[in-house]
PDB file of N, CA and C in Angstrom:
ATOM      1  N   MET A   1      29.915  64.775 -21.144  1.00  0.00           N
ATOM      2  CA  MET A   1      29.561  63.893 -20.148  1.00  0.00           C
ATOM      3  C   MET A   1      29.625  62.590 -20.529  1.00  0.00           C
ATOM      4  N   PRO A   2      30.472  61.496 -19.886  1.00  0.00           N
ATOM      5  CA  PRO A   2      30.662  60.342 -20.298  1.00  0.00           C
ATOM      6  C   PRO A   2      29.393  59.647 -20.155  1.00  0.00           C
ATOM      7  N   ARG A   3      29.130  58.613 -21.056  1.00  0.00           N
ATOM      8  CA  ARG A   3      27.866  57.731 -20.979  1.00  0.00           C
ATOM      9  C   ARG A   3      28.342  56.556 -20.001  1.00  0.00           C
ATOM     10  N   LYS A   4      27.283  56.129 -19.336  1.00  0.00           N
ATOM     11  CA  LYS A   4      27.603  55.061 -18.323  1.00  0.00           C
ATOM     12  C   LYS A   4      27.271  53.684 -19.071  1.00  0.00           C
ATOM     13  N   SER A   5      28.174  52.858 -19.061  1.00  0.00           N
ATOM     14  CA  SER A   5      28.055  51.556 -19.664  1.00  0.00           C
ATOM     15  C   SER A   5      27.065  50.715 -18.822  1.00  0.00           C
ATOM     16  N   ARG A   6      26.306  49.780 -19.762  1.00  0.00           N
ATOM     17  CA  ARG A   6      25.700  48.889 -18.965  1.00  0.00           C
ATOM     18  C   ARG A   6      26.349  47.513 -18.771  1.00  0.00           C
ATOM     19  N   GLU A   7      26.133  47.028 -17.566  1.00  0.00           N
ATOM     20  CA  GLU A   7      26.816  45.799 -17.352  1.00  0.00           C
ATOM     21  C   GLU A   7      26.066  44.689 -17.981  1.00  0.00           C
ATOM     22  N   ILE A   8      26.462  43.808 -19.003  1.00  0.00           N
ATOM     23  CA  ILE A   8      25.767  42.605 -19.403  1.00  0.00           C
ATOM     24  C   ILE A   8      26.156  41.408 -18.677  1.00  0.00           C
ATOM     25  N   THR A   9      25.209  40.883 -18.082  1.00  0.00           N
ATOM     26  CA  THR A   9      25.323  39.600 -17.303  1.00  0.00           C
ATOM     27  C   THR A   9      24.958  38.315 -17.850  1.00  0.00           C
ATOM     28  N   GLU A  10      25.270  37.232 -17.608  1.00  0.00           N
ATOM     29  CA  GLU A  10      24.761  36.004 -18.127  1.00  0.00           C
ATOM     30  C   GLU A  10      23.330  35.605 -17.267  1.00  0.00           C
ATOM     31  N   LYS A  11      22.719  36.402 -16.408  1.00  0.00           N
ATOM     32  CA  LYS A  11      21.534  36.093 -15.900  1.00  0.00           C
ATOM     33  C   LYS A  11      20.586  35.918 -16.942  1.00  0.00           C
ATOM     34  N   THR A  12      19.540  34.979 -16.837  1.00  0.00           N
ATOM     35  CA  THR A  12      18.310  34.830 -17.633  1.00  0.00           C
ATOM     36  C   THR A  12      17.173  35.316 -17.047  1.00  0.00           C
ATOM     37  N   VAL A  13      16.157  35.860 -17.758  1.00  0.00           N
ATOM     38  CA  VAL A  13      14.821  36.392 -17.201  1.00  0.00           C
ATOM     39  C   VAL A  13      14.172  35.324 -16.559  1.00  0.00           C
ATOM     40  N   GLU A  14      13.765  35.562 -15.257  1.00  0.00           N
ATOM     41  CA  GLU A  14      12.993  34.574 -14.393  1.00  0.00           C
ATOM     42  C   GLU A  14      11.716  35.488 -13.847  1.00  0.00           C
ATOM     43  N   ILE A  15      10.807  34.675 -13.428  1.00  0.00           N
ATOM     44  CA  ILE A  15       9.714  35.351 -12.590  1.00  0.00           C
ATOM     45  C   ILE A  15      10.203  36.230 -11.569  1.00  0.00           C
ATOM     46  N   GLY A  16       9.646  37.325 -11.421  1.00  0.00           N
ATOM     47  CA  GLY A  16       9.989  38.324 -10.255  1.00  0.00           C
ATOM     48  C   GLY A  16      11.139  39.461 -10.601  1.00  0.00           C
ATOM     49  N   ASP A  17      11.678  39.197 -12.013  1.00  0.00           N
ATOM     50  CA  ASP A  17      12.598  40.071 -12.490  1.00  0.00           C
ATOM     51  C   ASP A  17      11.987  41.335 -13.002  1.00  0.00           C
ATOM     52  N   LYS A  18      12.809  42.505 -12.909  1.00  0.00           N
ATOM     53  CA  LYS A  18      12.340  43.799 -13.250  1.00  0.00           C
ATOM     54  C   LYS A  18      13.323  43.883 -14.568  1.00  0.00           C
ATOM     55  N   LEU A  19      12.661  44.436 -15.879  1.00  0.00           N
ATOM     56  CA  LEU A  19      13.274  44.459 -16.934  1.00  0.00           C
ATOM     57  C   LEU A  19      13.042  45.785 -17.615  1.00  0.00           C
ATOM     58  N   ILE A  20      13.772  46.190 -18.579  1.00  0.00           N
ATOM     59  CA  ILE A  20      13.700  47.166 -19.516  1.00  0.00           C
ATOM     60  C   ILE A  20      13.783  46.467 -20.989  1.00  0.00           C
ATOM     61  N   VAL A  21      12.570  46.634 -21.711  1.00  0.00           N
ATOM     62  CA  VAL A  21      12.683  46.036 -23.006  1.00  0.00           C
ATOM     63  C   VAL A  21      12.355  47.056 -24.039  1.00  0.00           C
ATOM     64  N   GLU A  22      12.895  46.732 -25.260  1.00  0.00           N
ATOM     65  CA  GLU A  22      12.690  47.694 -26.495  1.00  0.00           C
ATOM     66  C   GLU A  22      11.845  46.870 -27.506  1.00  0.00           C
ATOM     67  N   PHE A  23      10.651  47.639 -27.901  1.00  0.00           N
ATOM     68  CA  PHE A  23       9.861  46.941 -28.851  1.00  0.00           C
ATOM     69  C   PHE A  23      10.284  47.217 -30.227  1.00  0.00           C
ATOM     70  N   TYR A  24       9.796  46.643 -31.205  1.00  0.00           N
ATOM     71  CA  TYR A  24      10.142  46.718 -32.538  1.00  0.00           C
ATOM     72  C   TYR A  24      10.078  48.125 -33.200  1.00  0.00           C
ATOM     73  N   ASN A  25       9.123  49.144 -32.413  1.00  0.00           N
ATOM     74  CA  ASN A  25       9.067  50.336 -32.981  1.00  0.00           C
ATOM     75  C   ASN A  25       9.803  51.247 -32.259  1.00  0.00           C
ATOM     76  N   GLY A  26      10.766  50.746 -31.436  1.00  0.00           N
ATOM     77  CA  GLY A  26      11.756  51.680 -30.661  1.00  0.00           C
ATOM     78  C   GLY A  26      11.250  52.185 -29.391  1.00  0.00           C
ATOM     79  N   GLN A  27       9.979  51.924 -28.856  1.00  0.00           N
ATOM     80  CA  GLN A  27       9.459  52.218 -27.569  1.00  0.00           C
ATOM     81  C   GLN A  27      10.146  51.365 -26.518  1.00  0.00           C
ATOM     82  N   THR A  28      10.313  51.761 -25.315  1.00  0.00           N
ATOM     83  CA  THR A  28      10.949  50.982 -24.352  1.00  0.00           C
ATOM     84  C   THR A  28       9.710  50.896 -23.297  1.00  0.00           C
ATOM     85  N   LEU A  29       9.942  49.762 -22.455  1.00  0.00           N
ATOM     86  CA  LEU A  29       9.064  49.753 -21.215  1.00  0.00           C
ATOM     87  C   LEU A  29       9.760  48.996 -20.163  1.00  0.00           C
ATOM     88  N   THR A  30       9.524  49.472 -18.982  1.00  0.00           N
ATOM     89  CA  THR A  30       9.950  48.798 -17.851  1.00  0.00           C
ATOM     90  C   THR A  30       9.003  48.120 -17.089  1.00  0.00           C
ATOM     91  N   PHE A  31       9.107  46.893 -16.568  1.00  0.00           N
ATOM     92  CA  PHE A  31       8.103  46.196 -16.024  1.00  0.00           C
ATOM     93  C   PHE A  31       8.668  44.980 -15.273  1.00  0.00           C
ATOM     94  N   THR A  32       8.034  44.353 -14.307  1.00  0.00           N
ATOM     95  CA  THR A  32       8.359  43.218 -13.682  1.00  0.00           C
ATOM     96  C   THR A  32       7.399  42.002 -14.144  1.00  0.00           C
ATOM     97  N   VAL A  33       8.151  40.817 -14.380  1.00  0.00           N
ATOM     98  CA  VAL A  33       7.505  39.569 -14.615  1.00  0.00           C
ATOM     99  C   VAL A  33       6.868  38.890 -13.408  1.00  0.00           C
ATOM    100  N   GLY A  34       5.525  38.812 -13.252  1.00  0.00           N
ATOM    101  CA  GLY A  34       4.925  38.324 -12.035  1.00  0.00           C
ATOM    102  C   GLY A  34       4.556  36.842 -12.418  1.00  0.00           C
ATOM    103  N   GLY A  35       4.089  36.254 -11.155  1.00  0.00           N
ATOM    104  CA  GLY A  35       3.774  34.854 -11.373  1.00  0.00           C
ATOM    105  C   GLY A  35       2.423  34.759 -12.199  1.00  0.00           C
ATOM    106  N   PRO A  36       1.935  33.402 -12.221  1.00  0.00           N
ATOM    107  CA  PRO A  36       0.603  33.136 -12.860  1.00  0.00           C
ATOM    108  C   PRO A  36      -0.665  33.854 -12.189  1.00  0.00           C
ATOM    109  N   GLY A  37      -1.380  34.622 -13.015  1.00  0.00           N
ATOM    110  CA  GLY A  37      -2.558  35.389 -12.460  1.00  0.00           C
ATOM    111  C   GLY A  37      -2.004  36.575 -11.711  1.00  0.00           C
ATOM    112  N   GLU A  38      -0.720  37.103 -11.777  1.00  0.00           N
ATOM    113  CA  GLU A  38      -0.380  38.240 -10.922  1.00  0.00           C
ATOM    114  C   GLU A  38      -0.044  39.628 -11.802  1.00  0.00           C
ATOM    115  N   GLY A  39      -0.722  39.343 -13.040  1.00  0.00           N
ATOM    116  CA  GLY A  39      -0.478  40.510 -14.019  1.00  0.00           C
ATOM    117  C   GLY A  39      -1.285  41.749 -13.469  1.00  0.00           C
ATOM    118  N   ASN A  40      -0.665  42.966 -13.469  1.00  0.00           N
ATOM    119  CA  ASN A  40      -1.244  44.151 -13.040  1.00  0.00           C
ATOM    120  C   ASN A  40      -0.664  45.246 -13.925  1.00  0.00           C
ATOM    121  N   PRO A  41      -1.016  45.529 -15.050  1.00  0.00           N
ATOM    122  CA  PRO A  41      -0.492  46.647 -15.920  1.00  0.00           C
ATOM    123  C   PRO A  41      -0.268  47.918 -15.100  1.00  0.00           C
ATOM    124  N   ASP A  42      -1.218  48.345 -14.533  1.00  0.00           N
ATOM    125  CA  ASP A  42      -1.121  49.652 -13.719  1.00  0.00           C
ATOM    126  C   ASP A  42      -0.117  49.710 -12.800  1.00  0.00           C
ATOM    127  N   ARG A  43       0.287  48.574 -12.304  1.00  0.00           N
ATOM    128  CA  ARG A  43       1.458  48.489 -11.198  1.00  0.00           C
ATOM    129  C   ARG A  43       2.875  48.194 -12.039  1.00  0.00           C
ATOM    130  N   GLY A  44       2.817  47.965 -13.349  1.00  0.00           N
ATOM    131  CA  GLY A  44       4.033  47.617 -13.938  1.00  0.00           C
ATOM    132  C   GLY A  44       4.572  46.216 -13.990  1.00  0.00           C
ATOM    133  N   VAL A  45       3.273  45.227 -13.776  1.00  0.00           N
ATOM    134  CA  VAL A  45       3.615  43.746 -13.574  1.00  0.00           C
ATOM    135  C   VAL A  45       2.819  43.051 -14.885  1.00  0.00           C
ATOM    136  N   ILE A  46       3.637  42.125 -15.460  1.00  0.00           N
ATOM    137  CA  ILE A  46       2.989  41.491 -16.505  1.00  0.00           C
ATOM    138  C   ILE A  46       3.047  39.926 -16.111  1.00  0.00           C
ATOM    139  N   SER A  47       2.020  39.208 -16.071  1.00  0.00           N
ATOM    140  CA  SER A  47       1.926  37.871 -15.822  1.00  0.00           C
ATOM    141  C   SER A  47       2.939  37.018 -16.647  1.00  0.00           C
ATOM    142  N   CYS A  48       3.422  35.891 -16.178  1.00  0.00           N
ATOM    143  CA  CYS A  48       4.312  35.038 -16.784  1.00  0.00           C
ATOM    144  C   CYS A  48       3.471  34.300 -17.756  1.00  0.00           C
ATOM    145  N   GLU A  49       2.172  34.424 -17.814  1.00  0.00           N
ATOM    146  CA  GLU A  49       1.287  33.698 -18.683  1.00  0.00           C
ATOM    147  C   GLU A  49       1.103  34.535 -19.953  1.00  0.00           C
ATOM    148  N   ALA A  50       1.338  35.816 -19.939  1.00  0.00           N
ATOM    149  CA  ALA A  50       1.248  36.692 -21.053  1.00  0.00           C
ATOM    150  C   ALA A  50       2.334  36.187 -22.194  1.00  0.00           C
ATOM    151  N   PRO A  51       1.695  36.474 -23.528  1.00  0.00           N
ATOM    152  CA  PRO A  51       2.536  36.168 -24.511  1.00  0.00           C
ATOM    153  C   PRO A  51       3.975  36.841 -24.676  1.00  0.00           C
ATOM    154  N   LEU A  52       4.117  37.977 -24.093  1.00  0.00           N
ATOM    155  CA  LEU A  52       5.334  38.766 -24.106  1.00  0.00           C
ATOM    156  C   LEU A  52       6.246  38.167 -23.075  1.00  0.00           C
ATOM    157  N   ALA A  53       5.670  37.834 -21.821  1.00  0.00           N
ATOM    158  CA  ALA A  53       6.604  37.186 -20.731  1.00  0.00           C
ATOM    159  C   ALA A  53       7.062  35.831 -21.123  1.00  0.00           C
ATOM    160  N   LYS A  54       6.011  35.005 -21.894  1.00  0.00           N
ATOM    161  CA  LYS A  54       6.490  33.619 -22.273  1.00  0.00           C
ATOM    162  C   LYS A  54       7.729  33.663 -23.149  1.00  0.00           C
ATOM    163  N   ALA A  55       7.619  34.742 -24.005  1.00  0.00           N
ATOM    164  CA  ALA A  55       8.776  34.656 -25.098  1.00  0.00           C
ATOM    165  C   ALA A  55      10.067  35.020 -24.429  1.00  0.00           C
ATOM    166  N   ILE A  56      10.087  36.107 -23.376  1.00  0.00           N
ATOM    167  CA  ILE A  56      11.440  36.320 -22.786  1.00  0.00           C
ATOM    168  C   ILE A  56      11.776  35.578 -21.602  1.00  0.00           C
ATOM    169  N   LEU A  57      11.054  34.814 -21.118  1.00  0.00           N
ATOM    170  CA  LEU A  57      11.560  33.935 -19.869  1.00  0.00           C
ATOM    171  C   LEU A  57      12.708  33.071 -20.290  1.00  0.00           C
ATOM    172  N   GLY A  58      13.837  32.986 -19.667  1.00  0.00           N
ATOM    173  CA  GLY A  58      14.903  32.179 -20.003  1.00  0.00           C
ATOM    174  C   GLY A  58      15.813  32.900 -21.000  1.00  0.00           C
ATOM    175  N   LYS A  59      15.525  34.031 -21.437  1.00  0.00           N
ATOM    176  CA  LYS A  59      16.449  34.710 -22.330  1.00  0.00           C
ATOM    177  C   LYS A  59      17.519  35.666 -21.597  1.00  0.00           C
ATOM    178  N   LYS A  60      18.482  35.999 -22.202  1.00  0.00           N
ATOM    179  CA  LYS A  60      19.528  36.869 -21.583  1.00  0.00           C
ATOM    180  C   LYS A  60      19.408  38.226 -22.084  1.00  0.00           C
ATOM    181  N   GLN A  61      20.055  39.212 -21.323  1.00  0.00           N
ATOM    182  CA  GLN A  61      20.032  40.661 -21.588  1.00  0.00           C
ATOM    183  C   GLN A  61      20.673  40.707 -23.134  1.00  0.00           C
ATOM    184  N   GLU A  62      20.333  41.626 -23.862  1.00  0.00           N
ATOM    185  CA  GLU A  62      20.476  41.706 -25.291  1.00  0.00           C
ATOM    186  C   GLU A  62      20.011  40.724 -26.231  1.00  0.00           C
ATOM    187  N   GLU A  63      19.273  39.880 -25.770  1.00  0.00           N
ATOM    188  CA  GLU A  63      18.695  38.873 -26.767  1.00  0.00           C
ATOM    189  C   GLU A  63      17.369  39.456 -27.039  1.00  0.00           C
ATOM    190  N   SER A  64      16.961  38.949 -28.349  1.00  0.00           N
ATOM    191  CA  SER A  64      15.618  39.316 -28.896  1.00  0.00           C
ATOM    192  C   SER A  64      14.750  38.076 -28.708  1.00  0.00           C
ATOM    193  N   ALA A  65      13.381  38.460 -28.948  1.00  0.00           N
ATOM    194  CA  ALA A  65      12.312  37.443 -28.793  1.00  0.00           C
ATOM    195  C   ALA A  65      11.018  37.688 -29.593  1.00  0.00           C
ATOM    196  N   ALA A  66      10.524  36.816 -30.300  1.00  0.00           N
ATOM    197  CA  ALA A  66       9.271  37.101 -31.037  1.00  0.00           C
ATOM    198  C   ALA A  66       8.193  36.475 -30.212  1.00  0.00           C
ATOM    199  N   TYR A  67       7.033  37.082 -30.423  1.00  0.00           N
ATOM    200  CA  TYR A  67       5.957  36.600 -29.631  1.00  0.00           C
ATOM    201  C   TYR A  67       4.552  37.144 -30.550  1.00  0.00           C
ATOM    202  N   THR A  68       3.609  36.459 -30.242  1.00  0.00           N
ATOM    203  CA  THR A  68       2.104  36.768 -31.143  1.00  0.00           C
ATOM    204  C   THR A  68       1.113  37.403 -30.383  1.00  0.00           C
ATOM    205  N   VAL A  69       0.648  38.402 -30.959  1.00  0.00           N
ATOM    206  CA  VAL A  69      -0.481  38.952 -30.426  1.00  0.00           C
ATOM    207  C   VAL A  69      -1.650  39.039 -31.518  1.00  0.00           C
ATOM    208  N   GLY A  70      -2.710  38.347 -31.244  1.00  0.00           N
ATOM    209  CA  GLY A  70      -3.452  38.071 -32.466  1.00  0.00           C
ATOM    210  C   GLY A  70      -2.969  37.414 -33.399  1.00  0.00           C
ATOM    211  N   GLU A  71      -3.097  37.950 -34.691  1.00  0.00           N
ATOM    212  CA  GLU A  71      -2.307  37.481 -35.966  1.00  0.00           C
ATOM    213  C   GLU A  71      -1.102  38.083 -36.175  1.00  0.00           C
ATOM    214  N   LYS A  72      -0.698  38.997 -35.227  1.00  0.00           N
ATOM    215  CA  LYS A  72       0.494  39.636 -35.593  1.00  0.00           C
ATOM    216  C   LYS A  72       1.795  38.997 -34.791  1.00  0.00           C
ATOM    217  N   ILE A  73       3.109  39.063 -35.481  1.00  0.00           N
ATOM    218  CA  ILE A  73       4.240  38.471 -34.802  1.00  0.00           C
ATOM    219  C   ILE A  73       4.992  39.617 -34.420  1.00  0.00           C
ATOM    220  N   LEU A  74       5.241  40.086 -33.288  1.00  0.00           N
ATOM    221  CA  LEU A  74       6.084  41.135 -32.778  1.00  0.00           C
ATOM    222  C   LEU A  74       7.388  40.653 -32.205  1.00  0.00           C
ATOM    223  N   THR A  75       8.414  41.597 -32.232  1.00  0.00           N
ATOM    224  CA  THR A  75       9.628  41.306 -31.556  1.00  0.00           C
ATOM    225  C   THR A  75       9.998  42.346 -30.433  1.00  0.00           C
ATOM    226  N   VAL A  76      10.639  41.841 -29.627  1.00  0.00           N
ATOM    227  CA  VAL A  76      11.205  42.846 -28.280  1.00  0.00           C
ATOM    228  C   VAL A  76      12.606  42.247 -28.152  1.00  0.00           C
ATOM    229  N   LYS A  77      13.462  43.355 -27.487  1.00  0.00           N
ATOM    230  CA  LYS A  77      14.764  43.090 -27.314  1.00  0.00           C
ATOM    231  C   LYS A  77      14.942  43.351 -25.615  1.00  0.00           C
ATOM    232  N   ILE A  78      15.557  42.505 -24.915  1.00  0.00           N
ATOM    233  CA  ILE A  78      15.864  42.768 -23.641  1.00  0.00           C
ATOM    234  C   ILE A  78      17.005  43.691 -23.398  1.00  0.00           C
ATOM    235  N   ILE A  79      16.600  44.888 -22.983  1.00  0.00           N
ATOM    236  CA  ILE A  79      17.778  45.887 -22.858  1.00  0.00           C
ATOM    237  C   ILE A  79      18.456  45.772 -21.621  1.00  0.00           C
ATOM    238  N   SER A  80      17.732  45.426 -20.496  1.00  0.00           N
ATOM    239  CA  SER A  80      18.439  45.288 -19.131  1.00  0.00           C
ATOM    240  C   SER A  80      17.448  44.436 -18.181  1.00  0.00           C
ATOM    241  N   ILE A  81      18.244  43.507 -17.542  1.00  0.00           N
ATOM    242  CA  ILE A  81      17.542  42.858 -16.395  1.00  0.00           C
ATOM    243  C   ILE A  81      18.012  43.517 -15.133  1.00  0.00           C
ATOM    244  N   LEU A  82      17.124  44.219 -14.537  1.00  0.00           N
ATOM    245  CA  LEU A  82      17.536  45.058 -13.362  1.00  0.00           C
ATOM    246  C   LEU A  82      17.555  44.196 -12.021  1.00  0.00           C
ATOM    247  N   LYS A  83      18.317  44.573 -11.222  1.00  0.00           N
ATOM    248  CA  LYS A  83      18.695  43.847  -9.892  1.00  0.00           C
ATOM    249  C   LYS A  83      17.646  44.530  -8.833  1.00  0.00           C
TER     250      LYS A  83
END
C-alpha cells in the first residue's frame, strides 16, 4: 500500500492551530494551541502560556524547538500543522 506524503507548508504555528508533535522520546501528541488561560488538557488544548506552546509558536512544520520543564530541557519536533 503506498504511503501518503505529508504536505509541508510555510505556515507557522499560531494560537488556534491544531498540531501533531513528536517528543524527544518518540511519543507523539495531537493538541490545539489555545489562548491565554484556555489550557484544557482533557480536551486537547494547551495554553499559549505553557512552556511547550511558547517554544513552538512561530515555528514551521518539521522544525524542532527546546523548552524547559523544571530543570529539564526537552525537545519537540512539529510533525504537522493541521488545517
